[in-house]
Amino acid sequence: MLSKAGLILLFSLFALSSAAEVQDDPVFHLSHSNFSNITAGKDFVILFFSPWCIHCFIFKPTWLNFSREVHGTIGVGDVDW
């Protein structure tokens, strides 16, 4: 089990890596307000995640690589739920 300091460090690294990847991030960040407009009539793969989830954190690099590989052929989005 991670200590409080370890969790804070982990979340800080996640926040910093998220900010750094925004520039070349082909993932559509979907919300209630933009979901229908972005996905209507298109093929999409959508990841539902929680930012505090360690499994989601570990999976994020794989998700970004997948989104870069299929960019332009299918939409890739995520929903923070």
Protein backbone atom coordinates (compact mmCIF):
# COMPACT_ATOMS: atom_id res chain seq x y z
CA MET A 1 0.00 0.00 0.00
CA LEU A 2 1.33 3.45 -0.89
CA SER A 3 1.87 6.02 1.81
CA LYS A 4 0.21 9.43 1.63
CA ALA A 5 3.48 10.96 0.42
CA GLY A 6 3.76 8.28 -2.27
CA LEU A 7 0.21 8.93 -3.46
CA ILE A 8 0.81 12.68 -3.58
CA LEU A 9 3.97 12.12 -5.62
CA LEU A 10 2.17 9.73 -7.97
CA PHE A 11 -0.70 12.16 -8.59
CA SER A 12 1.73 15.03 -9.06
CA LEU A 13 3.63 13.08 -11.71
CA PHE A 14 0.34 12.19 -13.40
CA ALA A 15 -0.69 15.86 -13.47
CA LEU A 16 2.68 16.93 -14.89
CA SER A 17 2.69 14.20 -17.54
CA SER A 18 -0.88 15.09 -18.52
CA ALA A 19 0.06 18.74 -18.98
CA ALA A 20 3.12 17.83 -21.06
CA GLU A 21 1.16 15.54 -23.40
CA VAL A 22 -1.59 18.01 -24.25
CA GLN A 23 0.32 19.37 -27.26
CA ASP A 24 0.34 16.13 -29.27
CA ASP A 25 -2.65 14.44 -27.66
CA PRO A 26 -4.98 13.04 -30.37
CA VAL A 27 -7.53 11.96 -27.74
CA PHE A 28 -10.81 13.88 -27.64
CA HIS A 29 -11.56 14.73 -24.01
CA LEU A 30 -15.31 14.26 -23.89
CA SER A 31 -17.80 15.69 -21.43
CA HIS A 32 -21.54 16.07 -21.14
CA SER A 33 -21.40 19.36 -23.03
CA ASN A 34 -19.37 18.17 -26.06
CA PHE A 35 -19.99 14.41 -26.30
CA SER A 36 -22.77 14.47 -28.91
CA ASN A 37 -21.18 17.17 -31.07
CA ILE A 38 -17.85 15.37 -31.34
CA THR A 39 -19.01 11.76 -31.66
CA ALA A 40 -22.19 12.15 -33.78
CA GLY A 41 -22.03 10.02 -36.93
CA LYS A 42 -18.42 8.93 -36.37
CA ASP A 43 -16.77 5.71 -35.26
CA PHE A 44 -15.23 6.16 -31.81
CA VAL A 45 -13.44 4.15 -29.17
CA ILE A 46 -14.00 5.72 -25.77
CA LEU A 47 -12.18 5.12 -22.51
CA PHE A 48 -14.09 5.82 -19.30
CA PHE A 49 -11.57 6.54 -16.56
CA SER A 50 -11.05 8.07 -13.15
CA PRO A 51 -7.96 10.26 -12.66
CA TRP A 52 -7.37 8.84 -9.15
CA CYS A 53 -7.37 5.22 -10.38
CA ILE A 54 -3.89 3.66 -10.42
CA HIS A 55 -4.93 1.20 -13.15
CA CYS A 56 -6.07 4.10 -15.36
CA PHE A 57 -2.79 5.90 -14.65
CA ILE A 58 -0.77 2.84 -15.70
CA PHE A 59 -2.92 2.35 -18.84
CA LYS A 60 -2.67 5.99 -20.01
CA PRO A 61 0.57 5.62 -22.08
CA THR A 62 -0.91 2.61 -23.89
CA TRP A 63 -4.10 4.57 -24.60
CA LEU A 64 -2.12 7.50 -26.00
CA ASN A 65 -0.02 5.20 -28.22
CA PHE A 66 -3.19 3.54 -29.52
CA SER A 67 -4.76 6.93 -30.25
CA ARG A 68 -1.69 8.04 -32.21
CA GLU A 69 -1.67 4.81 -34.24
CA VAL A 70 -5.32 5.09 -35.31
CA HIS A 71 -5.42 8.90 -35.61
CA GLY A 72 -7.37 9.89 -38.69
CA THR A 73 -9.05 6.50 -39.15
CA ILE A 74 -11.21 6.32 -36.03
CA GLY A 75 -11.97 8.74 -33.22
CA VAL A 76 -10.45 8.11 -29.82
CA GLY A 77 -11.93 9.79 -26.79
CA ASP A 78 -11.95 9.62 -23.05
CA VAL A 79 -14.46 10.50 -20.37
CA ASP A 80 -13.48 11.38 -16.81
CA TRP A 81 -16.27 9.86 -14.77
